[in-house]
């Protein structure tokens, strides 16, 4: 747990999920966020890139309203794909492909050619203006991790 209260007050965590027409996805990511909140002193919000609320801009603004100066944006996806490499960075309004990714408030360039096809539309990130002037650090997705393998092991054992 973080103990330096001055750093806690200016850092927020945003968990980013895909979103779904079904409520189960929202329930799971909100449960994950609640579990994480119990393990940290940082303010934690959930956001969805599509179909569910709050949107990525709304979650950023929520953290901005709480006074954070730096947001750690974590895509709760297993692997990189079009969403984590293109769609979410665009919604976060970040440009830099390497290292720290900063919100560029002056960049309102939003093309909608995603280069892939789904049977749903992504939220229009221009519907809510981002009111955050601080730094956004966009992390890697969850990836392959021994802790995920342990969950799979538990699921298999439960099924036996």
N, C-alpha and C. Protein backbone atom coordinates (compact mmCIF):
# COMPACT_ATOMS: atom_id res chain seq x y z
N UNK A 1 0.83 -1.17 0.00
CA UNK A 1 0.00 0.00 0.00
C UNK A 1 0.88 1.25 0.00
N UNK A 2 0.46 2.27 -0.69
CA UNK A 2 1.22 3.50 -0.79
C UNK A 2 1.10 4.27 0.51
N UNK A 3 2.20 4.81 0.98
CA UNK A 3 2.16 5.53 2.25
C UNK A 3 2.44 7.02 2.11
N UNK A 4 3.01 7.46 1.03
CA UNK A 4 3.29 8.87 0.83
C UNK A 4 2.02 9.58 0.39
N UNK A 5 1.34 10.24 1.33
CA UNK A 5 0.04 10.82 1.03
C UNK A 5 0.11 11.94 0.00
N UNK A 6 1.21 12.68 -0.09
CA UNK A 6 1.29 13.75 -1.09
C UNK A 6 1.29 13.18 -2.50
N UNK A 7 1.92 12.02 -2.72
CA UNK A 7 1.91 11.43 -4.05
C UNK A 7 0.56 10.78 -4.33
N UNK A 8 -0.11 10.25 -3.32
CA UNK A 8 -1.42 9.63 -3.50
C UNK A 8 -2.44 10.67 -3.94
N UNK A 9 -2.33 11.86 -3.40
CA UNK A 9 -3.31 12.89 -3.70
C UNK A 9 -3.27 13.38 -5.13
N UNK A 10 -2.16 13.18 -5.82
CA UNK A 10 -2.12 13.72 -7.18
C UNK A 10 -2.08 12.64 -8.25
N UNK A 11 -2.24 11.37 -7.88
CA UNK A 11 -2.23 10.28 -8.84
C UNK A 11 -3.56 9.54 -8.76
N UNK A 12 -4.13 9.26 -9.93
CA UNK A 12 -5.35 8.47 -9.99
C UNK A 12 -5.15 7.30 -10.94
N UNK A 13 -5.94 6.26 -10.77
CA UNK A 13 -5.85 5.07 -11.60
C UNK A 13 -7.18 4.89 -12.33
N UNK A 14 -7.08 4.67 -13.63
CA UNK A 14 -8.26 4.42 -14.45
C UNK A 14 -8.14 3.05 -15.08
N UNK A 15 -9.07 2.15 -14.74
CA UNK A 15 -9.12 0.83 -15.36
C UNK A 15 -10.03 0.93 -16.57
N UNK A 16 -9.52 0.52 -17.73
CA UNK A 16 -10.26 0.65 -18.98
C UNK A 16 -10.71 -0.72 -19.46
N UNK A 17 -12.00 -0.85 -19.67
CA UNK A 17 -12.58 -2.09 -20.18
C UNK A 17 -13.26 -1.82 -21.52
N UNK A 18 -13.58 -2.87 -22.23
CA UNK A 18 -14.21 -2.70 -23.54
C UNK A 18 -15.62 -2.14 -23.43
N UNK A 19 -16.43 -2.73 -22.58
CA UNK A 19 -17.84 -2.37 -22.50
C UNK A 19 -18.66 -3.42 -23.23
N UNK A 20 -19.94 -3.51 -22.87
CA UNK A 20 -20.79 -4.54 -23.45
C UNK A 20 -22.25 -4.14 -23.33
N UNK A 21 -23.06 -4.71 -24.18
CA UNK A 21 -24.50 -4.53 -24.04
C UNK A 21 -25.05 -5.32 -22.86
N UNK A 22 -24.30 -6.32 -22.43
CA UNK A 22 -24.69 -7.13 -21.28
C UNK A 22 -24.08 -6.56 -20.01
N UNK A 23 -24.79 -6.64 -18.91
CA UNK A 23 -24.34 -6.03 -17.67
C UNK A 23 -23.19 -6.78 -17.00
N UNK A 24 -22.95 -8.04 -17.39
CA UNK A 24 -21.93 -8.86 -16.72
C UNK A 24 -20.54 -8.24 -16.82
N UNK A 25 -20.21 -7.69 -17.96
CA UNK A 25 -18.90 -7.08 -18.13
C UNK A 25 -18.68 -5.93 -17.17
N UNK A 26 -19.71 -5.11 -17.01
CA UNK A 26 -19.62 -3.99 -16.07
C UNK A 26 -19.44 -4.51 -14.64
N UNK A 27 -20.20 -5.54 -14.29
CA UNK A 27 -20.10 -6.10 -12.94
C UNK A 27 -18.68 -6.59 -12.65
N UNK A 28 -18.09 -7.29 -13.60
CA UNK A 28 -16.76 -7.86 -13.37
C UNK A 28 -15.71 -6.76 -13.20
N UNK A 29 -15.69 -5.80 -14.11
CA UNK A 29 -14.66 -4.75 -14.01
C UNK A 29 -14.88 -3.91 -12.75
N UNK A 30 -16.12 -3.68 -12.36
CA UNK A 30 -16.37 -2.94 -11.12
C UNK A 30 -15.93 -3.74 -9.90
N UNK A 31 -16.08 -5.06 -9.93
CA UNK A 31 -15.59 -5.90 -8.84
C UNK A 31 -14.07 -5.88 -8.78
N UNK A 32 -13.43 -5.94 -9.96
CA UNK A 32 -11.96 -5.87 -10.00
C UNK A 32 -11.50 -4.53 -9.43
N UNK A 33 -12.18 -3.46 -9.79
CA UNK A 33 -11.82 -2.13 -9.29
C UNK A 33 -11.98 -2.07 -7.77
N UNK A 34 -13.04 -2.65 -7.25
CA UNK A 34 -13.27 -2.64 -5.81
C UNK A 34 -12.17 -3.42 -5.08
N UNK A 35 -11.79 -4.56 -5.62
CA UNK A 35 -10.70 -5.35 -5.03
C UNK A 35 -9.41 -4.53 -5.04
N UNK A 36 -9.14 -3.85 -6.17
CA UNK A 36 -7.93 -3.04 -6.26
C UNK A 36 -7.97 -1.85 -5.30
N UNK A 37 -9.13 -1.22 -5.16
CA UNK A 37 -9.27 -0.09 -4.23
C UNK A 37 -8.88 -0.49 -2.81
N UNK A 38 -9.19 -1.73 -2.44
CA UNK A 38 -8.84 -2.21 -1.10
C UNK A 38 -7.34 -2.39 -0.93
N UNK A 39 -6.60 -2.42 -2.03
CA UNK A 39 -5.16 -2.66 -1.99
C UNK A 39 -4.34 -1.39 -2.24
N UNK A 40 -5.01 -0.27 -2.44
CA UNK A 40 -4.29 0.96 -2.78
C UNK A 40 -4.94 2.16 -2.11
N UNK A 41 -4.20 3.25 -2.04
CA UNK A 41 -4.75 4.51 -1.55
C UNK A 41 -5.09 5.46 -2.70
N UNK A 42 -4.74 5.09 -3.91
CA UNK A 42 -5.04 5.93 -5.07
C UNK A 42 -6.54 5.93 -5.35
N UNK A 43 -7.07 7.05 -5.83
CA UNK A 43 -8.45 7.02 -6.32
C UNK A 43 -8.48 6.15 -7.58
N UNK A 44 -9.49 5.29 -7.69
CA UNK A 44 -9.60 4.35 -8.80
C UNK A 44 -10.96 4.53 -9.45
N UNK A 45 -10.96 4.69 -10.78
CA UNK A 45 -12.20 4.76 -11.53
C UNK A 45 -12.18 3.71 -12.63
N UNK A 46 -13.36 3.33 -13.06
CA UNK A 46 -13.54 2.40 -14.17
C UNK A 46 -14.01 3.21 -15.36
N UNK A 47 -13.58 2.81 -16.56
CA UNK A 47 -14.08 3.45 -17.77
C UNK A 47 -14.27 2.40 -18.85
N UNK A 48 -15.08 2.75 -19.83
CA UNK A 48 -15.39 1.82 -20.92
C UNK A 48 -15.18 2.53 -22.25
N UNK A 49 -14.56 1.81 -23.17
CA UNK A 49 -14.33 2.40 -24.49
C UNK A 49 -15.57 2.33 -25.36
N UNK A 50 -16.56 1.53 -24.96
CA UNK A 50 -17.68 1.28 -25.84
C UNK A 50 -18.90 0.84 -25.05
N UNK A 51 -20.04 1.30 -25.41
CA UNK A 51 -21.36 0.84 -24.98
C UNK A 51 -21.70 1.05 -23.52
N UNK A 52 -20.79 0.97 -22.60
CA UNK A 52 -21.07 1.11 -21.17
C UNK A 52 -20.59 2.48 -20.68
N UNK A 53 -21.04 2.85 -19.52
CA UNK A 53 -20.68 4.13 -18.92
C UNK A 53 -19.97 3.87 -17.60
N UNK A 54 -19.04 4.70 -17.19
CA UNK A 54 -18.67 5.97 -17.82
C UNK A 54 -17.71 5.76 -18.98
N UNK A 55 -17.74 6.70 -19.89
CA UNK A 55 -16.82 6.70 -21.02
C UNK A 55 -15.41 7.05 -20.53
N UNK A 56 -14.45 6.86 -21.38
CA UNK A 56 -13.06 7.22 -21.04
C UNK A 56 -12.96 8.71 -20.72
N UNK A 57 -13.50 9.63 -21.56
CA UNK A 57 -13.42 11.05 -21.19
C UNK A 57 -14.12 11.36 -19.87
N UNK A 58 -15.27 10.74 -19.61
CA UNK A 58 -15.98 11.00 -18.35
C UNK A 58 -15.16 10.55 -17.15
N UNK A 59 -14.50 9.41 -17.26
CA UNK A 59 -13.67 8.92 -16.15
C UNK A 59 -12.45 9.82 -15.94
N UNK A 60 -11.85 10.28 -17.03
CA UNK A 60 -10.72 11.21 -16.92
C UNK A 60 -11.18 12.47 -16.19
N UNK A 61 -12.33 12.99 -16.59
CA UNK A 61 -12.85 14.21 -15.95
C UNK A 61 -13.19 13.99 -14.48
N UNK A 62 -13.68 12.79 -14.14
CA UNK A 62 -13.96 12.47 -12.75
C UNK A 62 -12.68 12.56 -11.92
N UNK A 63 -11.60 11.98 -12.43
CA UNK A 63 -10.32 12.06 -11.72
C UNK A 63 -9.81 13.50 -11.68
N UNK A 64 -9.98 14.23 -12.76
CA UNK A 64 -9.57 15.65 -12.77
C UNK A 64 -10.34 16.42 -11.70
N UNK A 65 -11.64 16.15 -11.57
CA UNK A 65 -12.45 16.82 -10.55
C UNK A 65 -11.99 16.47 -9.14
N UNK A 66 -11.36 15.29 -8.98
CA UNK A 66 -10.82 14.89 -7.68
C UNK A 66 -9.45 15.51 -7.44
N UNK A 67 -8.92 16.24 -8.42
CA UNK A 67 -7.67 16.96 -8.24
C UNK A 67 -6.41 16.20 -8.61
N UNK A 68 -6.56 15.06 -9.30
CA UNK A 68 -5.34 14.34 -9.66
C UNK A 68 -4.60 15.09 -10.76
N UNK A 69 -3.30 14.93 -10.77
CA UNK A 69 -2.45 15.57 -11.78
C UNK A 69 -1.85 14.56 -12.74
N UNK A 70 -1.90 13.28 -12.35
CA UNK A 70 -1.36 12.20 -13.18
C UNK A 70 -2.33 11.04 -13.12
N UNK A 71 -2.66 10.50 -14.30
CA UNK A 71 -3.55 9.35 -14.38
C UNK A 71 -2.78 8.17 -14.95
N UNK A 72 -2.84 7.06 -14.26
CA UNK A 72 -2.29 5.80 -14.77
C UNK A 72 -3.48 5.06 -15.40
N UNK A 73 -3.47 4.94 -16.72
CA UNK A 73 -4.56 4.31 -17.46
C UNK A 73 -4.17 2.87 -17.78
N UNK A 74 -4.93 1.91 -17.25
CA UNK A 74 -4.61 0.50 -17.38
C UNK A 74 -5.68 -0.20 -18.24
N UNK A 75 -5.30 -0.66 -19.44
CA UNK A 75 -6.27 -1.41 -20.23
C UNK A 75 -6.43 -2.81 -19.64
N UNK A 76 -7.64 -3.14 -19.20
CA UNK A 76 -7.88 -4.45 -18.60
C UNK A 76 -8.25 -5.41 -19.73
N UNK A 77 -7.24 -5.71 -20.53
CA UNK A 77 -7.31 -6.62 -21.67
C UNK A 77 -6.14 -7.58 -21.49
N UNK A 78 -6.25 -8.78 -22.02
CA UNK A 78 -5.14 -9.72 -21.91
C UNK A 78 -3.98 -9.35 -22.83
N UNK A 79 -4.30 -8.97 -24.07
CA UNK A 79 -3.24 -8.75 -25.05
C UNK A 79 -3.51 -7.49 -25.85
N UNK A 80 -2.48 -7.01 -26.52
CA UNK A 80 -2.64 -5.88 -27.43
C UNK A 80 -3.48 -6.29 -28.64
N UNK A 81 -4.20 -5.35 -29.13
CA UNK A 81 -4.99 -5.49 -30.34
C UNK A 81 -5.33 -4.09 -30.83
N UNK A 82 -6.22 -4.00 -31.77
CA UNK A 82 -6.60 -2.70 -32.33
C UNK A 82 -7.11 -1.77 -31.24
N UNK A 83 -7.88 -2.31 -30.31
CA UNK A 83 -8.43 -1.45 -29.25
C UNK A 83 -7.33 -0.84 -28.38
N UNK A 84 -6.36 -1.67 -27.96
CA UNK A 84 -5.32 -1.16 -27.05
C UNK A 84 -4.26 -0.35 -27.78
N UNK A 85 -4.04 -0.65 -29.05
CA UNK A 85 -3.00 0.06 -29.80
C UNK A 85 -3.51 1.31 -30.50
N UNK A 86 -4.79 1.33 -30.89
CA UNK A 86 -5.31 2.46 -31.66
C UNK A 86 -6.48 3.17 -30.99
N UNK A 87 -7.53 2.43 -30.70
CA UNK A 87 -8.77 3.05 -30.24
C UNK A 87 -8.61 3.74 -28.88
N UNK A 88 -8.09 3.03 -27.90
CA UNK A 88 -7.97 3.61 -26.57
C UNK A 88 -6.98 4.78 -26.54
N UNK A 89 -5.78 4.65 -27.14
CA UNK A 89 -4.88 5.82 -27.15
C UNK A 89 -5.54 7.04 -27.80
N UNK A 90 -6.32 6.81 -28.84
CA UNK A 90 -7.03 7.92 -29.49
C UNK A 90 -8.03 8.56 -28.53
N UNK A 91 -8.77 7.72 -27.79
CA UNK A 91 -9.74 8.23 -26.83
C UNK A 91 -9.06 8.96 -25.68
N UNK A 92 -7.86 8.49 -25.31
CA UNK A 92 -7.08 9.16 -24.27
C UNK A 92 -6.41 10.42 -24.79
N UNK A 93 -6.43 10.59 -26.10
CA UNK A 93 -5.78 11.71 -26.79
C UNK A 93 -4.28 11.75 -26.50
N UNK A 94 -3.65 10.59 -26.64
CA UNK A 94 -2.21 10.51 -26.48
C UNK A 94 -1.60 10.16 -27.82
N UNK A 95 -0.40 10.65 -28.05
CA UNK A 95 0.26 10.46 -29.33
C UNK A 95 1.49 9.60 -29.23
N UNK A 96 2.26 9.80 -28.20
CA UNK A 96 3.58 9.19 -28.07
C UNK A 96 3.48 7.68 -28.03
N UNK A 97 4.16 6.98 -28.90
CA UNK A 97 4.14 5.52 -28.95
C UNK A 97 5.08 4.88 -27.93
N UNK A 98 6.00 5.64 -27.37
CA UNK A 98 7.02 5.07 -26.49
C UNK A 98 6.98 5.72 -25.12
N UNK A 99 7.15 4.92 -24.11
CA UNK A 99 7.33 5.44 -22.76
C UNK A 99 6.10 6.13 -22.24
N UNK A 100 6.32 7.25 -21.56
CA UNK A 100 5.23 7.99 -20.96
C UNK A 100 4.35 8.57 -22.05
N UNK A 101 3.09 8.50 -21.82
CA UNK A 101 2.13 9.01 -22.79
C UNK A 101 1.39 10.14 -22.11
N UNK A 102 1.44 11.29 -22.72
CA UNK A 102 0.83 12.45 -22.10
C UNK A 102 -0.42 12.87 -22.85
N UNK A 103 -1.40 13.29 -22.09
CA UNK A 103 -2.61 13.84 -22.67
C UNK A 103 -2.25 15.13 -23.37
N UNK A 104 -2.64 15.26 -24.60
CA UNK A 104 -2.36 16.47 -25.36
C UNK A 104 -3.67 17.22 -25.53
N UNK A 105 -3.93 18.15 -24.62
CA UNK A 105 -5.23 18.82 -24.58
C UNK A 105 -5.54 19.57 -25.87
N UNK A 106 -4.55 20.05 -26.55
CA UNK A 106 -4.79 20.82 -27.76
C UNK A 106 -5.06 19.98 -28.99
N UNK A 107 -4.96 18.67 -28.89
CA UNK A 107 -5.14 17.80 -30.05
C UNK A 107 -6.58 17.34 -30.15
N UNK A 108 -7.32 17.92 -31.08
CA UNK A 108 -8.70 17.52 -31.27
C UNK A 108 -8.89 16.84 -32.60
N UNK A 109 -7.86 16.20 -33.09
CA UNK A 109 -7.92 15.49 -34.36
C UNK A 109 -8.50 14.11 -34.10
N UNK A 110 -9.71 13.87 -34.61
CA UNK A 110 -10.39 12.60 -34.33
C UNK A 110 -10.93 12.01 -35.62
N UNK A 111 -10.15 11.21 -36.30
CA UNK A 111 -10.69 10.49 -37.44
C UNK A 111 -11.34 9.22 -36.93
N UNK A 112 -12.31 8.70 -37.65
CA UNK A 112 -13.01 7.53 -37.17
C UNK A 112 -12.75 6.29 -38.00
N UNK A 113 -11.73 6.27 -38.83
CA UNK A 113 -11.38 5.08 -39.59
C UNK A 113 -10.57 4.16 -38.72
N UNK A 114 -11.20 3.15 -38.13
CA UNK A 114 -10.51 2.25 -37.20
C UNK A 114 -9.74 1.16 -37.92
N UNK A 115 -10.01 0.93 -39.20
CA UNK A 115 -9.28 -0.09 -39.92
C UNK A 115 -9.67 -1.51 -39.55
N UNK A 116 -10.78 -1.66 -38.86
CA UNK A 116 -11.28 -2.99 -38.53
C UNK A 116 -12.80 -2.92 -38.49
N UNK A 117 -13.43 -4.05 -38.44
CA UNK A 117 -14.87 -4.08 -38.48
C UNK A 117 -15.44 -4.83 -37.30
N UNK A 118 -16.39 -4.21 -36.64
CA UNK A 118 -17.16 -4.83 -35.57
C UNK A 118 -18.61 -4.52 -35.84
N UNK A 119 -19.51 -5.20 -35.15
CA UNK A 119 -20.93 -4.92 -35.30
C UNK A 119 -21.39 -3.89 -34.28
N UNK A 120 -20.49 -3.06 -33.79
CA UNK A 120 -20.87 -2.00 -32.87
C UNK A 120 -20.02 -0.78 -33.17
N UNK A 121 -20.49 0.35 -32.71
CA UNK A 121 -19.74 1.59 -32.88
C UNK A 121 -19.06 1.92 -31.57
N UNK A 122 -17.87 2.50 -31.67
CA UNK A 122 -17.19 2.96 -30.47
C UNK A 122 -17.76 4.29 -30.07
N UNK A 123 -17.68 4.58 -28.78
CA UNK A 123 -18.18 5.85 -28.30
C UNK A 123 -17.46 6.96 -29.04
N UNK A 124 -18.17 8.01 -29.33
CA UNK A 124 -17.56 9.17 -29.95
C UNK A 124 -16.86 9.96 -28.86
N UNK A 125 -15.53 9.88 -28.85
CA UNK A 125 -14.78 10.52 -27.77
C UNK A 125 -14.92 12.02 -27.77
N UNK A 126 -15.51 12.60 -28.82
CA UNK A 126 -15.72 14.04 -28.85
C UNK A 126 -17.00 14.44 -28.13
N UNK A 127 -17.83 13.48 -27.71
CA UNK A 127 -19.08 13.82 -27.07
C UNK A 127 -18.86 14.49 -25.72
N UNK A 128 -17.78 14.20 -25.06
CA UNK A 128 -17.47 14.87 -23.80
C UNK A 128 -16.04 15.38 -23.88
N UNK A 129 -15.91 16.66 -23.68
CA UNK A 129 -14.59 17.28 -23.73
C UNK A 129 -13.80 16.86 -22.50
N UNK A 130 -12.54 16.51 -22.71
CA UNK A 130 -11.65 16.16 -21.60
C UNK A 130 -11.16 17.45 -20.96
N UNK A 131 -11.37 17.56 -19.64
CA UNK A 131 -10.98 18.76 -18.88
C UNK A 131 -9.79 18.48 -17.99
N UNK A 132 -8.86 17.72 -18.48
CA UNK A 132 -7.71 17.30 -17.69
C UNK A 132 -6.46 17.84 -18.35
N UNK A 133 -5.64 18.54 -17.58
CA UNK A 133 -4.42 19.15 -18.12
C UNK A 133 -3.16 18.41 -17.68
N UNK A 134 -3.31 17.36 -16.91
CA UNK A 134 -2.15 16.65 -16.39
C UNK A 134 -1.63 15.59 -17.33
N UNK A 135 -0.89 14.68 -16.75
CA UNK A 135 -0.21 13.63 -17.50
C UNK A 135 -1.01 12.33 -17.43
N UNK A 136 -1.10 11.64 -18.57
CA UNK A 136 -1.71 10.32 -18.62
C UNK A 136 -0.63 9.32 -19.01
N UNK A 137 -0.45 8.33 -18.17
CA UNK A 137 0.49 7.26 -18.47
C UNK A 137 -0.33 6.03 -18.81
N UNK A 138 -0.16 5.52 -20.00
CA UNK A 138 -0.92 4.38 -20.51
C UNK A 138 -0.06 3.14 -20.40
N UNK A 139 -0.53 2.16 -19.65
CA UNK A 139 0.27 0.97 -19.39
C UNK A 139 0.02 -0.11 -20.43
N UNK A 140 0.78 -1.18 -20.31
CA UNK A 140 0.56 -2.37 -21.13
C UNK A 140 -0.70 -3.09 -20.65
N UNK A 141 -1.32 -3.91 -21.51
CA UNK A 141 -2.42 -4.75 -21.03
C UNK A 141 -1.90 -5.79 -20.04
N UNK A 142 -2.78 -6.61 -19.50
CA UNK A 142 -2.40 -7.56 -18.46
C UNK A 142 -1.34 -8.55 -18.92
N UNK A 143 -1.45 -9.06 -20.14
CA UNK A 143 -0.43 -9.94 -20.69
C UNK A 143 -0.42 -11.31 -20.04
N UNK A 144 0.59 -12.09 -20.39
CA UNK A 144 0.73 -13.41 -19.79
C UNK A 144 1.41 -13.23 -18.45
N UNK A 145 0.81 -13.79 -17.44
CA UNK A 145 1.30 -13.60 -16.08
C UNK A 145 0.99 -14.86 -15.29
N UNK A 146 1.90 -15.26 -14.46
CA UNK A 146 1.72 -16.45 -13.66
C UNK A 146 0.43 -16.39 -12.84
N UNK A 147 0.04 -15.18 -12.40
CA UNK A 147 -1.17 -15.05 -11.60
C UNK A 147 -2.42 -15.38 -12.42
N UNK A 148 -2.39 -15.09 -13.71
CA UNK A 148 -3.51 -15.46 -14.58
C UNK A 148 -3.55 -16.97 -14.78
N UNK A 149 -2.37 -17.57 -14.93
CA UNK A 149 -2.30 -19.03 -15.06
C UNK A 149 -2.86 -19.70 -13.81
N UNK A 150 -2.65 -19.11 -12.65
CA UNK A 150 -3.21 -19.67 -11.41
C UNK A 150 -4.73 -19.62 -11.43
N UNK A 151 -5.30 -18.58 -11.97
CA UNK A 151 -6.76 -18.49 -12.09
C UNK A 151 -7.27 -19.60 -13.02
N UNK A 152 -6.58 -19.80 -14.13
CA UNK A 152 -6.97 -20.87 -15.07
C UNK A 152 -6.88 -22.23 -14.37
N UNK A 153 -5.81 -22.42 -13.62
CA UNK A 153 -5.66 -23.67 -12.87
C UNK A 153 -6.83 -23.87 -11.92
N UNK A 154 -7.23 -22.82 -11.21
CA UNK A 154 -8.37 -22.91 -10.30
C UNK A 154 -9.66 -23.24 -11.05
N UNK A 155 -9.86 -22.63 -12.21
CA UNK A 155 -11.07 -22.90 -13.01
C UNK A 155 -11.11 -24.37 -13.45
N UNK A 156 -9.97 -24.88 -13.89
CA UNK A 156 -9.90 -26.28 -14.31
C UNK A 156 -10.18 -27.19 -13.12
N UNK A 157 -9.55 -26.93 -11.99
CA UNK A 157 -9.76 -27.76 -10.80
C UNK A 157 -11.22 -27.71 -10.34
N UNK A 158 -11.83 -26.51 -10.42
CA UNK A 158 -13.24 -26.38 -10.04
C UNK A 158 -14.14 -27.19 -10.97
N UNK A 159 -13.74 -27.33 -12.22
CA UNK A 159 -14.55 -28.04 -13.20
C UNK A 159 -14.45 -29.56 -13.05
N UNK A 160 -13.42 -30.02 -12.35
CA UNK A 160 -13.22 -31.47 -12.20
C UNK A 160 -14.09 -32.08 -11.12
